[in-house]
N, C-alpha and C. Protein backbone atom coordinates (compact mmCIF):
# COMPACT_ATOMS: atom_id res chain seq x y z
N MET A 1 263.12 196.59 179.08
CA MET A 1 261.91 196.71 180.13
C MET A 1 262.59 197.15 181.49
N PHE A 2 261.97 198.00 181.95
CA PHE A 2 262.10 198.48 183.34
C PHE A 2 261.55 197.96 184.62
N THR A 3 262.19 197.76 185.57
CA THR A 3 261.63 197.04 186.65
C THR A 3 261.05 198.05 187.74
N TYR A 4 259.81 197.67 188.28
CA TYR A 4 259.22 198.48 189.38
C TYR A 4 258.93 197.64 190.53
N VAL A 5 258.96 198.08 191.67
CA VAL A 5 258.23 197.55 192.83
C VAL A 5 257.23 198.13 193.37
N SER A 6 256.25 197.54 193.62
CA SER A 6 254.91 198.17 194.34
C SER A 6 254.38 197.64 195.36
N PHE A 7 254.20 198.64 196.41
CA PHE A 7 253.45 198.04 197.77
C PHE A 7 252.23 198.44 197.83
N PHE A 8 251.39 197.47 198.18
CA PHE A 8 249.73 197.77 197.98
C PHE A 8 249.21 197.58 199.52
N GLU A 9 248.24 198.59 199.63
CA GLU A 9 247.52 198.31 200.92
C GLU A 9 245.88 198.54 200.60
N LEU A 10 245.23 197.60 201.30
CA LEU A 10 243.86 197.68 200.75
C LEU A 10 243.25 198.86 201.68
N THR A 11 242.32 199.32 200.78
CA THR A 11 241.41 200.51 201.11
C THR A 11 240.30 199.95 201.97
N PRO A 12 239.81 200.83 202.58
CA PRO A 12 238.51 200.18 203.52
C PRO A 12 237.53 199.45 202.66
N GLU A 13 237.29 199.94 201.19
CA GLU A 13 236.37 199.23 200.43
C GLU A 13 237.07 198.01 200.00
N GLY A 14 238.22 197.82 199.81
CA GLY A 14 239.09 196.76 199.66
C GLY A 14 238.81 195.70 200.68
N ARG A 15 239.04 196.08 201.98
CA ARG A 15 238.97 195.27 203.20
C ARG A 15 237.52 194.79 203.15
N GLU A 16 236.35 195.46 202.99
CA GLU A 16 235.24 194.97 203.03
C GLU A 16 235.05 193.80 201.78
N LYS A 17 235.57 194.04 200.82
CA LYS A 17 235.46 192.90 199.73
C LYS A 17 236.66 192.14 199.54
N PHE A 18 237.28 191.69 200.63
CA PHE A 18 238.33 190.84 200.64
C PHE A 18 238.08 189.51 200.07
N PRO A 19 237.11 188.98 200.32
CA PRO A 19 236.94 187.68 199.70
C PRO A 19 236.94 187.70 197.98
N GLU A 20 236.70 189.01 197.40
CA GLU A 20 236.92 189.11 196.16
C GLU A 20 238.40 189.41 195.66
N MET A 21 239.05 189.36 196.64
CA MET A 21 240.57 190.01 196.15
C MET A 21 241.04 188.94 194.83
N PRO A 22 241.10 187.75 194.86
CA PRO A 22 241.49 186.96 193.53
C PRO A 22 241.11 187.58 192.25
N VAL A 23 239.73 188.17 192.22
CA VAL A 23 239.17 188.78 191.05
C VAL A 23 239.96 190.11 190.65
N PHE A 24 240.23 191.00 191.86
CA PHE A 24 240.78 191.87 191.74
C PHE A 24 242.24 191.81 191.30
N PHE A 25 242.92 190.83 191.71
CA PHE A 25 244.34 190.46 191.13
C PHE A 25 244.44 189.99 189.73
N GLU A 26 243.26 189.41 189.28
CA GLU A 26 243.22 189.19 187.98
C GLU A 26 243.01 190.22 187.13
N LYS A 27 242.13 191.23 187.66
CA LYS A 27 241.93 192.43 186.79
C LYS A 27 243.35 193.32 186.60
N ILE A 28 244.06 193.27 187.79
CA ILE A 28 245.39 193.93 187.94
C ILE A 28 246.53 193.12 186.92
N THR A 29 246.44 191.94 186.95
CA THR A 29 247.06 191.36 185.88
C THR A 29 246.82 191.63 184.50
N LYS A 30 245.47 191.71 184.07
CA LYS A 30 245.09 192.24 182.75
C LYS A 30 245.43 193.48 182.52
N ILE A 31 245.34 194.51 183.38
CA ILE A 31 245.76 195.80 183.09
C ILE A 31 247.13 195.72 182.94
N VAL A 32 248.21 195.05 183.69
CA VAL A 32 249.56 195.23 183.22
C VAL A 32 249.73 194.83 181.88
N GLU A 33 249.29 193.40 181.54
CA GLU A 33 249.45 192.91 180.13
C GLU A 33 248.94 193.66 179.20
N LYS A 34 247.84 194.41 179.43
CA LYS A 34 247.13 195.23 178.31
C LYS A 34 248.11 196.53 178.07
N GLU A 35 248.88 196.92 179.10
CA GLU A 35 249.65 197.84 178.73
C GLU A 35 251.17 197.35 178.51
N GLU A 36 251.25 196.14 177.89
CA GLU A 36 252.35 195.81 177.34
C GLU A 36 253.50 195.49 178.68
N GLY A 37 252.89 195.21 179.75
CA GLY A 37 253.86 194.97 181.02
C GLY A 37 253.89 193.69 181.47
N VAL A 38 254.68 193.41 182.35
CA VAL A 38 254.82 191.93 182.88
C VAL A 38 254.61 192.08 184.55
N LEU A 39 253.65 191.18 184.85
CA LEU A 39 253.56 191.07 186.53
C LEU A 39 254.52 189.76 186.73
N ASP A 40 255.80 190.14 187.40
CA ASP A 40 256.58 188.93 187.83
C ASP A 40 256.12 188.17 188.86
N THR A 41 255.82 188.76 189.94
CA THR A 41 255.48 188.23 191.17
C THR A 41 254.47 189.12 192.05
N PHE A 42 253.70 188.50 192.70
CA PHE A 42 252.70 189.12 193.80
C PHE A 42 252.92 188.42 195.14
N TYR A 43 253.22 189.14 196.15
CA TYR A 43 253.40 188.65 197.41
C TYR A 43 252.39 189.16 198.48
N ALA A 44 251.93 188.45 199.35
CA ALA A 44 251.33 188.84 200.65
C ALA A 44 252.28 189.20 201.61
N LEU A 45 252.10 190.32 202.62
CA LEU A 45 252.94 190.71 203.29
C LEU A 45 252.33 190.93 204.87
N MET A 46 253.30 190.69 205.93
CA MET A 46 252.91 191.03 207.13
C MET A 46 253.43 192.49 207.41
N GLY A 47 252.68 193.21 207.99
CA GLY A 47 253.19 194.72 208.44
C GLY A 47 252.19 195.77 207.74
N PRO A 48 252.54 196.89 207.61
CA PRO A 48 251.75 197.88 207.17
C PRO A 48 251.32 197.81 205.79
N TRP A 49 251.94 197.14 205.01
CA TRP A 49 251.49 196.93 203.67
C TRP A 49 250.86 195.57 203.27
N ASP A 50 249.76 195.23 202.47
CA ASP A 50 249.29 194.08 202.44
C ASP A 50 249.70 193.15 201.38
N PHE A 51 250.33 193.66 200.13
CA PHE A 51 250.93 193.09 199.19
C PHE A 51 252.23 193.65 198.72
N PHE A 52 252.75 193.07 198.00
CA PHE A 52 253.97 193.42 197.19
C PHE A 52 253.91 192.87 195.62
N ALA A 53 254.41 193.69 194.82
CA ALA A 53 254.46 193.01 193.43
C ALA A 53 255.67 193.62 192.85
N ILE A 54 256.38 192.76 191.83
CA ILE A 54 257.45 193.19 191.04
C ILE A 54 256.88 193.01 189.60
N THR A 55 256.82 194.21 188.86
CA THR A 55 256.12 194.36 187.44
C THR A 55 257.62 194.88 186.68
N LYS A 56 257.36 194.95 185.45
CA LYS A 56 258.20 195.40 184.24
C LYS A 56 257.34 195.89 183.30
N PHE A 57 257.68 197.29 182.79
CA PHE A 57 257.12 197.91 181.85
C PHE A 57 258.04 198.48 180.72
N PRO A 58 257.82 198.83 179.61
CA PRO A 58 258.65 199.62 178.50
C PRO A 58 259.31 200.61 179.04
N ASP A 59 258.67 201.59 179.66
CA ASP A 59 258.92 202.89 180.15
C ASP A 59 257.98 203.44 181.07
N ASN A 60 258.35 204.70 181.78
CA ASN A 60 257.83 205.34 182.82
C ASN A 60 256.18 205.62 182.34
N GLU A 61 256.18 205.96 181.20
CA GLU A 61 254.60 206.62 180.83
C GLU A 61 253.88 205.40 180.81
N THR A 62 254.39 204.13 180.43
CA THR A 62 253.47 202.97 180.52
C THR A 62 253.18 202.65 181.87
N ALA A 63 254.36 202.52 182.82
CA ALA A 63 253.94 202.19 184.11
C ALA A 63 252.90 203.21 184.61
N PHE A 64 253.05 204.55 184.45
CA PHE A 64 252.11 205.52 185.06
C PHE A 64 250.66 205.00 184.66
N ARG A 65 250.60 204.80 183.26
CA ARG A 65 249.17 204.52 182.81
C ARG A 65 248.44 203.21 183.62
N ALA A 66 249.32 202.35 183.58
CA ALA A 66 249.02 201.19 184.29
C ALA A 66 248.65 201.29 185.69
N LEU A 67 249.40 202.02 186.42
CA LEU A 67 249.23 202.32 187.90
C LEU A 67 247.96 203.23 188.26
N GLY A 68 247.58 204.27 187.12
CA GLY A 68 246.54 205.03 187.26
C GLY A 68 245.20 204.04 186.96
N LYS A 69 245.43 203.18 186.11
CA LYS A 69 244.31 202.25 185.98
C LYS A 69 243.90 201.37 187.22
N ILE A 70 245.06 200.82 187.61
CA ILE A 70 244.99 199.88 188.97
C ILE A 70 244.35 200.84 190.22
N GLY A 71 244.89 202.00 190.33
CA GLY A 71 244.16 202.93 191.37
C GLY A 71 242.87 203.23 191.13
N ALA A 72 242.32 203.40 189.99
CA ALA A 72 240.87 203.64 189.63
C ALA A 72 239.98 202.50 190.06
N LEU A 73 240.58 201.26 190.57
CA LEU A 73 239.86 200.14 190.94
C LEU A 73 239.56 200.45 192.48
N GLU A 74 240.02 201.46 193.18
CA GLU A 74 239.62 201.94 194.42
C GLU A 74 239.79 200.81 195.50
N TYR A 75 240.23 199.60 195.37
CA TYR A 75 240.42 198.54 196.41
C TYR A 75 241.79 198.70 196.89
N LEU A 76 242.77 199.30 196.25
CA LEU A 76 244.32 199.28 196.86
C LEU A 76 244.81 200.76 196.52
N LYS A 77 245.69 201.00 197.66
CA LYS A 77 246.36 202.08 197.50
C LYS A 77 248.02 201.74 197.30
N THR A 78 248.57 202.48 196.42
CA THR A 78 249.87 201.79 196.04
C THR A 78 250.94 202.79 196.20
N GLU A 79 252.03 202.46 196.39
CA GLU A 79 253.52 203.07 196.18
C GLU A 79 254.18 202.36 195.35
N THR A 80 254.69 202.92 194.32
CA THR A 80 255.51 202.17 193.30
C THR A 80 256.86 202.92 193.09
N TYR A 81 257.93 202.24 193.01
CA TYR A 81 259.29 202.69 192.68
C TYR A 81 259.98 202.07 191.64
N PRO A 82 260.56 202.83 190.79
CA PRO A 82 261.31 202.12 189.68
C PRO A 82 262.52 201.62 190.34
N THR A 83 263.14 200.47 189.86
CA THR A 83 264.48 199.88 190.50
C THR A 83 265.50 199.83 189.44
N GLU A 84 266.86 199.63 189.80
CA GLU A 84 267.82 199.17 188.97
C GLU A 84 268.67 198.16 189.67
N GLU A 85 269.37 197.25 188.96
CA GLU A 85 270.46 196.43 189.42
C GLU A 85 271.43 197.07 190.09
N VAL A 86 271.83 196.65 191.38
CA VAL A 86 272.85 197.52 192.05
C VAL A 86 274.15 197.67 191.34
N GLU A 87 274.50 196.73 190.48
CA GLU A 87 275.88 196.98 189.79
C GLU A 87 275.56 198.09 188.72
N VAL A 88 274.40 198.33 188.33
CA VAL A 88 274.39 199.53 187.29
C VAL A 88 274.28 200.86 188.09
N PHE A 89 273.81 200.69 189.44
CA PHE A 89 273.84 201.96 190.36
C PHE A 89 275.24 202.42 190.61
N PHE A 90 276.09 201.24 191.13
CA PHE A 90 277.33 201.41 191.57
C PHE A 90 278.08 201.97 190.09
N LYS A 91 277.91 201.43 189.05
CA LYS A 91 278.65 202.09 187.89
C LYS A 91 278.31 203.38 187.70
N ALA A 92 277.16 203.80 187.90
CA ALA A 92 276.81 205.26 187.71
C ALA A 92 277.58 206.08 188.63
N LEU A 93 277.93 205.53 189.75
CA LEU A 93 278.35 206.28 190.74
C LEU A 93 280.11 206.56 190.55
N VAL A 94 280.65 205.51 190.03
CA VAL A 94 282.09 205.63 189.90
C VAL A 94 282.49 206.34 188.53
């Protein structure tokens, strides 16, 4: 499984429907699980982003598919990045 970090910002529609956020997070969790991914954690943030998530997917194609479905909900804008443990990164450089 590969690890991804996602930053989420509420869209104007998401801000209008903020009380429904727990339902949207349930939908996001179901989308991730349906795509054979794992949602490790979800955090609320202070700053330019509203939420942060750590997910795991078997490959990039699956991650793209899940993120496309999450984006189609139209309540959250996302930026997602693949991650790797720093030891693996350093090993690749040496």
